[in-house]
Every structure is written in structure tokens, then in C-alpha cells.
Amino acid sequence: WLEGATVPFVVWTDHRNLEYIRSAKRLNARQARWALFFARFEFVISYRPGSKNTKPDALSRLFSSSVASTDPEGILPEVRVVGLTVWGIERQVKQALTHTPSPHACPRNLLFVPVPTRLAVLQWAHSAKLAGHPGVRGTLASIRQRFWWPTREHDTRRFVAACSVCAQTKSGNSPPAGRLRPLPIPSRPWSHIALDFVTGLPSSAGKTVILTVVDRFSKAAHFIPLAKLPSAKETAQIIIENVFRIHGLPSDVVSDRGPQFTSQFWREFCRLIGASVSLSSGFHPQSNGQAERANQTIGRILRSLSFRNPASWSEQLPWAEYAHNSLPSSATGLSPFQSSLGYQPPLFSSQFAESSVPSAQAFVQRCERTWKRVRSALCRYRAQTVRAANKRRTKSPRYCRGQRVWLSTQNLPLKTASRKLTPRFIGPFRISQIINPVAVRLLLPRYLRRVHPVFHVSCVKPVLRALARLPPPPPSLSRAHLSTGSVRFWTCVLGAVVIST
């Protein structure tokens, strides 16, 4: 009827998008097929809201002609049977009580748990699906509802602490382990230096990287702009041209574990100049805190000086370095200029006569007095820093060689489908060497061969042993344990179990 009609007809619809089906420029495959079908007809689509399109809307709804039954229907189907919940662990405990009588101290409404069945009770209250591996408080809450034995609290704490699943999947809420262990204080300027790179900067006059060199005694710093991250050989040449030729050779160089500083060339270079190489432990940049703090300072100054034109940071870098070296340090109370040179560069011409030095001997004496003042200030500041830092830290356990520990996955490059569901700790791994009281070396597997094996004690935690009378808790679920053919599903409704017949 409509295909052969010569007069256009109107289609009323409450689907507004259909108005543009014939004028749309982009169609998917399904829409294109319908457009070819609509080409055989001559019609106009007009939108009508659903409130006014009542007749087609009523005809499009499902209609049942059967009369509603007046017989009441039950909540559960006839093929279901309702029964009281009876856990297998309760039956197991009652069976064990036939051989072991309950002591008089056991409360009346609780079941006494003999020694052979205590492990099963702990596993039921902690590792069952309805429990979900809670902490000590949650596990005890489940046990206290039905079971009792004299060492219930103590055994529960030991069992939860030794659970391997909890050790790997739960993050610790306690403060980080390991007391602050500051680096030794130098006795003169530029004898101990710290190095680090600032990357991710916009290109400015062909420069994209800053090499930060900090004197750990006077807190003086040199900020050297570079075109790119240098190699170990290029880093050594830059240090010679910008630091060694001005301040002399150092006795110790602190840095992170960048490829420039872990190479054989850098170690041999430092050995030839008589300097020791001090590298930070794995994923613990606090070891190179002097350079990290200087990076924060130079970033703050550059943001202030070049916030209108970030590409001009290389032009502002000399002024930022002067500002850093001329302002007083919170550790010493003196500026880096005064701590290293013995005097503060004057800002006004009227100060020139006062800052002149009459002789070299007086200059040396002034420097020595300043250095003693700086060293005593650094000792006091280190003591204050240690006390303040240890308030937010806990004493680390005493580790020994061969001990097994869990390793934190916070900084490990693991390839997982979901970072949120990744275990918080992996292992356990054995300790091969005690570097110092706050750093240990681990025997890592081959898939972690790219990770440096030395870690701060805040990145590891010991593997605790289970109760002597109880075997260790069950391991984490494997693919075999998750097979649906061996799982029985129970549905709990208002304290009852619905069992399919």
C-alpha cells in the first residue's frame, strides 16, 4: 500500500532521532541498509511526544488475557527446602568433644574447642569466604560467637600474623620501619657532594635537563643546564669543568641509581680521583635528600621567575643559583656563600670596605671560624632532625642473613591486569647480606633481575611463623582451587540455608 503510493505520507513517532535518518551524513552499516530500504518510499517523519502518542504506545505494549490467580504463592519455590544453618566446623568440634570433656571455665552458651580442632576453627573464622581474611578483631568476633578455649586471643593473633594471604594483600597502617640514619657530617666545604638530575623541562635555548651539584657541608649548589641526559663519561667531564676545577676533588659522591652513576666507568672515575661512591638504596630517594631538596628549591625559584614564559628558564637559572646560594640555610643559619667562603657577598656599595680582607692569614682564620660554626650548627640540626623523623617511624626488626622477608610491590615494575588488585607484597625472599641497620640485600628471582637487590627496611617485612601446635594457614587460591566444578554454593537467607533438591 505505501510502496506504490504517489502521495507522500506522514510517519508520527516518539523517537526524535528518526527525524534525521534521511539527512544524516554519517551512517553505520545497519543504518545504511535501512536507508536503502526507506528510499523506496515517499514519506515525512514528524516527532510527537510519547504523552500525545497514546494510541500506538498502547498497541505496542504486551497484553496478557489470562486472569490473575487468587491463590497465594509462597516465597520459595516448591523445589526448595528450608533448614537451619549447621556449619561443618560446629559438627567437627562437637565430634571432638566426645573424646575431650569441656572444662568448667567454659561458658554455657559456647563450645569448648580441643587442641586438634583449633586450627580448623581459626581457618573457618579467618579464611572462609564469609569472613574474607579480616584482622585480629574481626576474626575474634566470629570465634567469640560460638567457640571458646583458654588461649583463644593469643592463638588468633599468632594465626592472623602468620597468614601468608594477609601478608601479601594487605597494606600496613603502622609508621614506616627504620630509624633515620643520616649521612656523616663533612668537616670542610666541597669534600662531600651530592648529584641529581632535573628532567621534564621545556626546551629553552636547546636545554632540557639540569644537573644539580650540592655541597653537603655549606649547602651551596651549582645548577648546570644540559641539552639531554648525559652518559657516564659526559657526566664526569661536566663535573670536572664546572665543579672540580673550582672547588677541588671531593672525597665522597652521593647519587641515586641512575645509569650514569651505576656504570663501571663512573666507579673507575671516582676511584681514580680518590672519591668513594655512595648510591641510594632501591626505591629510597631519601638517601640523596640534599640533592632532592635542592631540586625542589630550584623548581620553586624557576616557577616564580619564568611563570609568564616557561621557555626562558635557562636565562633565569644563573639568578636562581645566586638566590639559592646567597640566602641563609635553615640548617646552618648562614648562607652557602658565607659557609664556604667565610664572608657574605655584599649587596650595596657601602659594604665593600667592611667586607675587605686585610691579609690571607686573616681570611683563612675567618674561614676556619666559620667552618667550625657551621659544623656545630649541622650537628645540632641533625640531632633535631633525627628526633623529629623518628617520631613518625618505628624501630625496624632485627634481620639476620638467611631470614625470609616479604617485599613491597609499591615501586616494582610488575605487569598486572589491575594495579588495585595487585598484592601489596610478594615473596618471600631470603636476605643475603645486611648492608647496615636500615638496608638489606635480597636474593631476587630472575624476573626481578632488573631491580636493584638492596632495599630500605621500610620496603620489607619479616615472615612470621605460625603457632608451634598449628600448621601454617592455607596459601592463596590458585586456578585449581577456583574451578567451578569443585565449589558448592550456599545461599544464606535470614539465618536459614536454602538447599536445592
Protein backbone atom coordinates (compact mmCIF):
# COMPACT_ATOMS: atom_id res chain seq x y z
CA TRP A 1 0.00 0.00 0.00
CA LEU A 2 2.66 2.53 0.91
CA GLU A 3 5.33 1.45 -1.58
CA GLY A 4 3.16 2.24 -4.58
CA ALA A 5 1.53 5.38 -3.17
CA THR A 6 2.02 8.52 -5.28
CA VAL A 7 1.14 10.93 -2.48
CA PRO A 8 3.69 11.34 0.37
CA PHE A 9 2.54 10.08 3.74
CA VAL A 10 3.45 11.23 7.29
CA VAL A 11 5.03 8.99 9.96
CA TRP A 12 4.37 10.11 13.56
CA THR A 13 6.90 8.75 16.08
CA ASP A 14 8.06 9.48 19.63
CA HIS A 15 11.65 8.62 18.65
CA ARG A 16 13.07 12.04 17.83
CA ASN A 17 16.33 10.78 16.34
CA LEU A 18 14.46 9.22 13.43
CA GLU A 19 13.79 12.69 12.04
CA TYR A 20 17.42 12.87 10.89
CA ILE A 21 17.80 9.34 9.49
CA ARG A 22 17.37 10.54 5.89
CA SER A 23 19.60 13.62 6.23
CA ALA A 24 22.44 12.18 8.29
CA LYS A 25 25.88 12.41 6.65
CA ARG A 26 27.49 9.51 8.55
CA LEU A 27 25.73 6.18 8.87
CA ASN A 28 26.92 2.85 10.17
CA ALA A 29 26.33 -0.36 8.23
CA ARG A 30 22.95 -1.10 9.80
CA GLN A 31 21.66 2.42 9.30
CA ALA A 32 22.84 2.41 5.67
CA ARG A 33 20.85 -0.77 4.95
CA TRP A 34 17.70 0.79 6.41
CA ALA A 35 18.31 3.99 4.39
CA LEU A 36 18.35 1.92 1.17
CA PHE A 37 15.07 0.31 2.22
CA PHE A 38 13.46 3.70 3.03
CA ALA A 39 14.46 5.03 -0.41
CA ARG A 40 11.54 3.08 -1.99
CA PHE A 41 9.03 5.16 -0.03
CA GLU A 42 7.95 8.79 -0.16
CA PHE A 43 7.22 9.95 3.39
CA VAL A 44 7.93 12.58 6.02
CA ILE A 45 8.88 11.76 9.64
CA SER A 46 7.37 14.00 12.30
CA TYR A 47 8.14 13.89 16.03
CA ARG A 48 5.30 13.56 18.54
CA PRO A 49 5.98 13.26 22.31
CA GLY A 50 5.04 9.99 23.96
CA SER A 51 2.35 11.69 26.08
CA LYS A 52 0.47 12.59 22.89
CA ASN A 53 1.25 9.39 21.01
CA THR A 54 -1.05 7.28 23.21
CA LYS A 55 -2.70 5.02 20.64
CA PRO A 56 0.45 3.47 19.09
CA ASP A 57 2.03 3.39 22.53
CA ALA A 58 -0.85 1.32 23.92
CA LEU A 59 -0.82 -1.06 20.96
CA SER A 60 2.94 -1.64 21.34
CA ARG A 61 2.65 -2.86 24.94
CA LEU A 62 2.38 -6.53 25.91
CA PHE A 63 -1.09 -7.69 26.98
CA SER A 64 -2.00 -10.82 28.89
CA SER A 65 -5.54 -12.12 28.68
CA SER A 66 -5.15 -14.65 31.50
CA VAL A 67 -6.92 -13.83 34.74
CA ALA A 68 -4.64 -13.29 37.71
CA SER A 69 -4.69 -16.22 40.11
CA THR A 70 -6.10 -15.56 43.55
CA ASP A 71 -4.17 -18.42 45.15
CA PRO A 72 -1.32 -17.16 47.35
CA GLU A 73 2.19 -18.04 46.19
CA GLY A 74 4.99 -18.97 48.51
CA ILE A 75 8.21 -17.02 48.81
CA LEU A 76 10.31 -20.09 47.99
CA PRO A 77 9.64 -22.48 45.09
CA GLU A 78 8.38 -25.97 45.85
CA VAL A 79 11.71 -27.49 44.82
CA ARG A 80 13.47 -25.71 47.70
CA VAL A 81 13.80 -26.96 51.27
CA VAL A 82 14.34 -24.64 54.25
CA GLY A 83 16.52 -25.80 57.08
CA LEU A 84 18.57 -24.36 59.94
CA THR A 85 22.17 -23.41 59.30
CA VAL A 86 24.56 -26.05 60.58
CA TRP A 87 28.21 -25.34 59.81
CA GLY A 88 30.56 -28.22 59.32
CA ILE A 89 33.04 -26.71 61.77
CA GLU A 90 30.45 -26.86 64.54
CA ARG A 91 29.79 -30.52 63.82
CA GLN A 92 33.55 -31.18 63.81
CA VAL A 93 34.01 -29.53 67.23
CA LYS A 94 31.09 -31.43 68.75
CA GLN A 95 32.54 -34.66 67.45
CA ALA A 96 35.92 -33.85 69.04
CA LEU A 97 34.20 -33.11 72.36
CA THR A 98 33.14 -36.75 72.61
CA HIS A 99 36.79 -37.60 73.33
CA THR A 100 37.71 -34.45 75.31
CA PRO A 101 35.41 -33.12 78.06
CA SER A 102 34.76 -29.38 78.37
CA PRO A 103 36.45 -27.58 81.29
CA HIS A 104 34.39 -25.84 83.97
CA ALA A 105 35.68 -22.40 82.88
CA CYS A 106 33.94 -22.67 79.50
CA PRO A 107 30.77 -20.51 79.31
CA ARG A 108 27.49 -22.35 78.90
CA ASN A 109 26.49 -20.94 75.52
CA LEU A 110 29.88 -21.58 73.92
CA LEU A 111 31.60 -24.71 72.64
CA PHE A 112 34.99 -25.66 74.00
CA VAL A 113 37.48 -26.26 71.17
CA PRO A 114 40.00 -29.05 71.78
CA VAL A 115 43.58 -28.63 70.57
CA PRO A 116 43.29 -30.82 67.41
CA THR A 117 40.41 -28.74 66.02
CA ARG A 118 41.62 -25.24 66.88
CA LEU A 119 43.38 -24.84 63.53
CA ALA A 120 40.14 -25.65 61.70
CA VAL A 121 38.22 -23.11 63.78
CA LEU A 122 40.81 -20.42 63.09
CA GLN A 123 40.76 -21.19 59.38
CA TRP A 124 36.96 -21.08 59.32
CA ALA A 125 36.79 -17.71 61.13
CA HIS A 126 39.59 -16.11 59.12
CA SER A 127 40.00 -17.77 55.72
CA ALA A 128 36.43 -18.74 54.82
CA LYS A 129 34.62 -16.85 52.07
CA LEU A 130 32.11 -15.40 54.50
CA ALA A 131 34.98 -13.97 56.58
CA GLY A 132 37.21 -12.56 53.86
CA HIS A 133 40.51 -12.59 55.80
CA PRO A 134 39.67 -9.95 58.46
CA GLY A 135 42.08 -8.67 61.05
CA VAL A 136 42.50 -9.91 64.60
CA ARG A 137 39.41 -8.05 65.80
CA GLY A 138 37.13 -9.44 63.09
CA THR A 139 38.43 -12.99 63.44
CA LEU A 140 37.94 -12.89 67.21
CA ALA A 141 34.43 -11.54 66.76
CA SER A 142 33.47 -14.58 64.69
CA ILE A 143 35.07 -17.03 67.11
CA ARG A 144 33.56 -15.46 70.23
CA GLN A 145 30.04 -16.02 68.94
CA ARG A 146 30.29 -19.80 69.30
CA PHE A 147 33.70 -21.11 70.43
CA TRP A 148 35.99 -20.79 73.44
CA TRP A 149 39.35 -22.06 74.67
CA PRO A 150 41.82 -20.54 77.17
CA THR A 151 44.37 -19.17 74.66
CA ARG A 152 41.80 -18.00 72.12
CA GLU A 153 43.04 -14.40 71.80
CA HIS A 154 46.73 -15.31 71.71
CA ASP A 155 46.28 -18.07 69.12
CA THR A 156 44.17 -15.80 66.93
CA ARG A 157 46.81 -13.06 66.91
CA ARG A 158 49.52 -15.55 66.01
CA PHE A 159 47.42 -17.12 63.26
CA VAL A 160 46.47 -13.80 61.63
CA ALA A 161 50.06 -12.53 61.83
CA ALA A 162 51.32 -15.71 60.09
CA CYS A 163 48.65 -15.70 57.34
CA SER A 164 50.52 -15.52 54.02
CA VAL A 165 47.49 -14.21 52.15
CA CYS A 166 47.10 -11.25 54.52
CA ALA A 167 50.85 -10.59 54.44
CA GLN A 168 50.79 -10.26 50.64
CA THR A 169 47.47 -8.49 50.04
CA LYS A 170 47.18 -6.01 52.94
CA SER A 171 48.95 -2.68 53.28
CA GLY A 172 50.39 -1.81 56.65
CA ASN A 173 48.91 1.09 58.62
CA SER A 174 51.84 1.42 61.01
CA PRO A 175 54.55 4.08 60.50
CA PRO A 176 57.45 3.10 58.20
CA ALA A 177 60.11 0.95 59.77
CA GLY A 178 63.70 2.04 60.18
CA ARG A 179 65.06 4.86 62.29
CA LEU A 180 66.60 7.82 60.49
CA ARG A 181 70.24 7.15 59.70
CA PRO A 182 71.72 10.45 58.44
CA LEU A 183 74.90 10.65 56.44
CA PRO A 184 78.11 11.73 58.24
CA ILE A 185 78.73 15.48 58.52
CA PRO A 186 81.72 16.74 56.46
CA SER A 187 84.42 18.85 58.05
CA ARG A 188 85.04 21.28 55.18
CA PRO A 189 83.22 22.63 52.11
CA TRP A 190 83.02 20.59 48.90
CA SER A 191 84.54 17.44 50.37
CA HIS A 192 81.22 15.58 50.13
CA ILE A 193 78.91 16.37 47.23
CA ALA A 194 75.53 15.10 46.03
CA LEU A 195 74.39 14.81 42.39
CA ASP A 196 70.98 14.54 40.75
CA PHE A 197 69.19 15.44 37.52
CA VAL A 198 66.07 17.56 36.95
CA THR A 199 64.22 16.32 33.86
CA GLY A 200 60.89 17.01 32.16
CA LEU A 201 61.66 20.70 31.49
CA PRO A 202 60.54 22.53 28.32
CA SER A 203 63.20 23.25 25.73
CA SER A 204 64.95 26.55 26.50
CA ALA A 205 67.82 27.60 24.25
CA GLY A 206 68.29 23.91 23.45
CA LYS A 207 68.47 22.89 27.15
CA THR A 208 66.03 20.39 28.71
CA VAL A 209 67.90 18.98 31.76
CA ILE A 210 69.53 20.46 34.87
CA LEU A 211 72.40 18.75 36.69
CA THR A 212 72.25 19.63 40.40
CA VAL A 213 75.52 19.53 42.38
CA VAL A 214 75.21 20.23 46.12
CA ASP A 215 77.89 20.64 48.75
CA ARG A 216 76.64 18.74 51.78
CA PHE A 217 78.64 20.95 54.17
CA SER A 218 77.77 24.51 53.13
CA LYS A 219 74.57 23.63 51.18
CA ALA A 220 75.98 25.54 48.20
CA ALA A 221 74.76 24.33 44.82
CA HIS A 222 75.60 24.56 41.15
CA PHE A 223 72.78 24.14 38.61
CA ILE A 224 74.19 23.20 35.22
CA PRO A 225 71.84 23.30 32.18
CA LEU A 226 72.23 20.42 29.71
CA ALA A 227 70.73 19.56 26.33
CA LYS A 228 69.89 15.97 27.36
CA LEU A 229 70.64 13.34 29.95
CA PRO A 230 74.39 12.72 29.65
CA SER A 231 76.23 9.43 29.69
CA ALA A 232 78.64 8.47 32.47
CA LYS A 233 81.61 9.82 30.53
CA GLU A 234 79.83 13.07 29.70
CA THR A 235 78.77 13.45 33.34
CA ALA A 236 82.36 13.09 34.50
CA GLN A 237 83.53 15.73 32.00
CA ILE A 238 80.77 18.15 33.12
CA ILE A 239 81.69 17.68 36.79
CA ILE A 240 85.37 18.32 36.03
CA GLU A 241 84.65 21.54 34.10
CA ASN A 242 82.06 23.01 36.48
CA VAL A 243 82.94 21.69 39.96
CA PHE A 244 86.35 20.08 40.33
CA ARG A 245 88.31 22.87 38.66
CA ILE A 246 86.72 25.40 41.05
CA HIS A 247 86.38 23.56 44.37
CA GLY A 248 88.87 20.70 44.08
CA LEU A 249 88.38 16.95 44.20
CA PRO A 250 85.81 15.55 46.67
CA SER A 251 86.20 12.54 48.93
CA ASP A 252 82.63 11.21 48.59
CA VAL A 253 79.93 11.46 45.90
CA VAL A 254 76.29 10.69 46.76
CA SER A 255 73.79 9.97 43.98
CA ASP A 256 70.80 7.85 43.08
CA ARG A 257 70.96 4.70 40.99
CA GLY A 258 70.73 6.31 37.58
CA PRO A 259 72.55 4.56 34.73
CA GLN A 260 75.20 7.28 34.76
CA PHE A 261 76.18 6.52 38.37
CA THR A 262 75.91 2.71 38.36
CA SER A 263 78.17 2.20 35.33
CA GLN A 264 81.67 0.78 35.58
CA PHE A 265 83.09 3.95 34.03
CA TRP A 266 81.75 6.14 36.85
CA ARG A 267 83.06 3.81 39.55
CA GLU A 268 86.51 3.74 37.96
CA PHE A 269 86.48 7.51 37.51
CA CYS A 270 85.67 8.08 41.20
CA ARG A 271 88.32 5.56 42.22
CA LEU A 272 90.97 7.38 40.20
CA ILE A 273 90.19 10.75 41.80
CA GLY A 274 90.11 9.18 45.27
CA ALA A 275 86.38 9.58 45.91
CA SER A 276 84.04 6.94 47.29
CA VAL A 277 80.73 6.22 45.53
CA SER A 278 77.63 6.32 47.77
CA LEU A 279 74.50 5.12 45.98
CA SER A 280 71.00 5.25 47.42
CA SER A 281 69.17 2.01 48.17
CA GLY A 282 66.40 0.76 45.89
CA PHE A 283 63.30 3.00 45.74
CA HIS A 284 64.56 5.13 48.63
CA PRO A 285 65.41 8.63 47.28
CA GLN A 286 65.65 9.97 50.85
CA SER A 287 69.25 8.72 50.87
CA ASN A 288 70.10 11.57 48.47
CA GLY A 289 67.99 14.10 50.34
CA GLN A 290 70.40 17.03 49.84
CA ALA A 291 70.08 16.94 46.04
CA GLU A 292 66.34 16.21 46.17
CA ARG A 293 65.79 19.24 48.41
CA ALA A 294 67.89 21.43 46.11
CA ASN A 295 65.78 20.25 43.16
CA GLN A 296 62.65 21.39 44.98
CA THR A 297 64.21 24.79 45.72
CA ILE A 298 65.36 25.42 42.16
CA GLY A 299 61.97 24.32 40.84
CA ARG A 300 60.20 26.78 43.14
CA ILE A 301 62.51 29.67 42.13
CA LEU A 302 62.23 28.93 38.41
CA ARG A 303 58.45 28.74 38.59
CA SER A 304 58.42 32.18 40.17
CA LEU A 305 60.89 33.78 37.75
CA SER A 306 59.63 32.26 34.49
CA PHE A 307 55.93 31.65 35.11
CA ARG A 308 54.99 34.02 32.26
CA ASN A 309 57.39 32.37 29.81
CA PRO A 310 58.41 28.85 30.89
CA ALA A 311 60.72 28.51 27.88
CA SER A 312 63.02 31.16 29.37
CA TRP A 313 64.06 29.11 32.42
CA SER A 314 67.66 28.73 31.14
CA GLU A 315 68.06 32.52 31.20
CA GLN A 316 66.79 32.67 34.79
CA LEU A 317 68.92 29.74 36.02
CA PRO A 318 72.03 31.84 36.98
CA TRP A 319 69.86 34.19 39.04
CA ALA A 320 68.13 31.23 40.68
CA GLU A 321 71.53 29.76 41.61
CA TYR A 322 72.67 33.07 43.10
CA ALA A 323 69.45 33.38 45.09
CA HIS A 324 69.86 29.84 46.45
CA ASN A 325 73.50 30.39 47.48
CA SER A 326 73.01 33.85 48.98
CA LEU A 327 70.01 33.12 51.22
CA PRO A 328 70.52 31.66 54.74
CA SER A 329 70.15 27.91 55.17
CA SER A 330 67.78 26.60 57.84
CA ALA A 331 70.37 24.01 58.91
CA THR A 332 73.34 26.32 59.49
CA GLY A 333 71.76 29.77 59.83
CA LEU A 334 74.32 31.05 57.30
CA SER A 335 74.16 31.40 53.56
CA PRO A 336 76.07 28.86 51.41
CA PHE A 337 78.36 31.71 50.29
CA GLN A 338 79.30 32.52 53.87
CA SER A 339 79.64 28.86 54.88
CA SER A 340 82.06 28.06 52.04
CA LEU A 341 83.93 31.38 51.53
CA GLY A 342 83.82 32.81 55.03
CA TYR A 343 82.02 36.01 54.08
CA GLN A 344 78.68 37.14 52.66
CA PRO A 345 78.85 38.88 49.24
CA PRO A 346 77.68 42.48 49.78
CA LEU A 347 74.59 43.77 48.04
CA PHE A 348 75.34 47.51 48.45
CA SER A 349 78.45 49.51 47.58
CA SER A 350 78.68 50.89 51.10
CA GLN A 351 79.52 47.40 52.36
CA PHE A 352 82.62 46.95 50.20
CA ALA A 353 85.06 48.46 52.69
CA GLU A 354 83.69 46.38 55.56
CA SER A 355 83.98 43.10 53.66
CA SER A 356 87.61 43.59 52.53
CA VAL A 357 90.15 41.17 54.00
CA PRO A 358 93.48 42.72 55.07
CA SER A 359 95.59 39.57 54.65
CA ALA A 360 95.41 35.96 53.56
CA GLN A 361 96.04 34.77 57.12
CA ALA A 362 93.03 36.70 58.39
CA PHE A 363 90.96 35.25 55.56
CA VAL A 364 91.97 31.70 56.49
CA GLN A 365 91.22 32.33 60.16
CA ARG A 366 87.82 33.73 59.27
CA CYS A 367 87.09 30.68 57.14
CA GLU A 368 88.12 28.28 59.91
CA ARG A 369 85.94 30.07 62.45
CA THR A 370 83.02 29.98 60.03
CA TRP A 371 83.52 26.27 59.27
CA LYS A 372 83.57 25.38 62.99
CA ARG A 373 80.39 27.39 63.47
CA VAL A 374 78.76 25.64 60.51
CA ARG A 375 79.77 22.16 61.68
CA SER A 376 78.42 22.72 65.20
CA ALA A 377 75.16 24.05 63.69
CA LEU A 378 74.93 20.99 61.44
CA CYS A 379 75.41 18.66 64.40
CA ARG A 380 72.62 20.36 66.34
CA TYR A 381 70.34 20.39 63.29
CA ARG A 382 70.99 16.70 62.61
CA ALA A 383 70.05 15.80 66.18
CA GLN A 384 66.82 17.77 65.87
CA THR A 385 66.04 16.18 62.51
CA VAL A 386 66.64 12.67 63.86
CA ARG A 387 64.32 13.26 66.83
CA ALA A 388 61.58 14.73 64.64
CA ALA A 389 61.84 12.00 61.99
CA ASN A 390 61.87 9.12 64.47
CA LYS A 391 58.57 10.30 65.94
CA ARG A 392 56.91 9.18 62.68
CA ARG A 393 58.89 5.95 62.33
CA THR A 394 59.12 2.65 64.15
CA LYS A 395 62.16 0.65 65.06
CA SER A 396 62.84 -1.93 62.40
CA PRO A 397 63.04 -5.64 63.29
CA ARG A 398 66.49 -7.11 63.67
CA TYR A 399 67.13 -9.05 60.49
CA CYS A 400 69.76 -11.71 60.01
CA ARG A 401 71.31 -13.37 56.99
CA GLY A 402 69.14 -16.11 55.52
CA GLN A 403 65.91 -14.78 57.04
CA ARG A 404 62.84 -14.71 54.80
CA VAL A 405 61.01 -11.41 54.23
CA TRP A 406 58.14 -10.05 52.15
CA LEU A 407 58.99 -7.34 49.57
CA SER A 408 56.68 -4.37 48.92
CA THR A 409 55.35 -4.03 45.35
CA GLN A 410 54.72 -0.29 45.61
CA ASN A 411 57.62 0.61 43.30
CA LEU A 412 58.24 -2.68 41.48
CA PRO A 413 57.60 -2.70 37.69
CA LEU A 414 55.14 -5.60 37.77
CA LYS A 415 52.97 -6.37 34.73
CA THR A 416 49.50 -6.98 36.10
CA ALA A 417 45.98 -6.61 34.72
CA SER A 418 44.87 -4.33 37.59
CA ARG A 419 47.18 -2.34 39.84
CA LYS A 420 44.49 -2.07 42.52
CA LEU A 421 44.18 -5.87 42.79
CA THR A 422 47.93 -6.50 42.74
CA PRO A 423 49.31 -7.98 46.01
CA ARG A 424 50.92 -5.37 48.21
CA PHE A 425 53.84 -7.72 48.98
CA ILE A 426 55.49 -10.57 47.08
CA GLY A 427 57.90 -13.28 48.09
CA PRO A 428 59.10 -14.43 50.45
CA PHE A 429 62.76 -13.79 49.59
CA ARG A 430 65.85 -14.54 51.64
CA ILE A 431 68.29 -11.93 52.93
CA SER A 432 71.77 -12.45 51.52
CA GLN A 433 73.53 -9.56 53.27
CA ILE A 434 72.94 -6.93 55.98
CA ILE A 435 74.28 -3.69 54.46
CA ASN A 436 73.56 -1.57 57.56
CA PRO A 437 70.80 -1.45 60.20
CA VAL A 438 68.36 0.14 57.68
CA ALA A 439 69.32 -1.61 54.40
CA VAL A 440 69.36 -5.28 53.36
CA ARG A 441 70.25 -7.19 50.21
CA LEU A 442 67.79 -9.82 48.96
CA LEU A 443 68.10 -12.87 46.73
CA LEU A 444 65.64 -11.91 43.98
CA PRO A 445 64.30 -14.28 41.29
CA ARG A 446 65.17 -13.92 37.62
CA TYR A 447 62.03 -12.00 36.69
CA LEU A 448 63.24 -9.19 39.01
CA ARG A 449 66.80 -9.15 37.71
CA ARG A 450 66.44 -5.52 36.58
CA VAL A 451 65.61 -4.40 40.14
CA HIS A 452 68.49 -3.49 42.42
CA PRO A 453 68.54 -6.05 45.27
CA VAL A 454 69.36 -3.57 48.09
CA PHE A 455 66.23 -2.24 49.84
CA HIS A 456 65.47 0.00 52.78
CA VAL A 457 63.88 -1.81 55.72
CA SER A 458 60.65 0.16 55.16
CA CYS A 459 60.18 -1.81 51.90
CA VAL A 460 60.30 -5.25 53.55
CA LYS A 461 58.65 -7.02 56.46
CA PRO A 462 59.54 -10.32 58.13
CA VAL A 463 57.74 -13.59 57.51
CA LEU A 464 56.19 -14.58 60.83
CA ARG A 465 55.94 -18.19 61.89
CA ALA A 466 52.67 -19.85 62.74
CA LEU A 467 51.83 -21.47 66.07
CA ALA A 468 54.00 -24.38 67.04
CA ARG A 469 50.94 -26.57 67.55
CA LEU A 470 49.22 -25.41 64.38
CA PRO A 471 50.34 -25.75 60.78
CA PRO A 472 50.59 -22.53 58.69
CA PRO A 473 47.41 -21.02 57.22
CA PRO A 474 46.32 -22.05 53.73
CA PRO A 475 48.12 -20.50 50.73
CA SER A 476 46.48 -18.10 48.32
CA LEU A 477 43.87 -19.54 45.95
CA SER A 478 45.23 -20.95 42.73
CA ARG A 479 43.45 -21.60 39.45
CA ALA A 480 42.79 -25.19 40.50
CA HIS A 481 41.05 -24.01 43.67
CA LEU A 482 38.82 -21.71 41.64
CA SER A 483 37.31 -24.39 39.39
CA THR A 484 33.53 -24.19 39.47
CA GLY A 485 33.10 -27.93 39.41
CA SER A 486 34.51 -28.33 42.90
CA VAL A 487 32.72 -25.40 44.55
CA ARG A 488 29.45 -25.80 46.45
CA PHE A 489 27.30 -22.70 46.59
CA TRP A 490 25.19 -21.96 49.69
CA THR A 491 22.68 -19.16 49.87
CA CYS A 492 22.00 -17.79 53.36
CA VAL A 493 18.62 -16.11 53.90
CA LEU A 494 17.73 -14.80 57.37
CA GLY A 495 19.78 -17.43 59.19
CA ALA A 496 18.50 -20.32 57.04
CA VAL A 497 20.11 -22.30 54.25
CA VAL A 498 18.19 -22.89 51.02
CA ILE A 499 19.34 -26.23 49.59
CA SER A 500 18.49 -27.17 46.03
CA THR A 501 16.90 -30.64 45.81
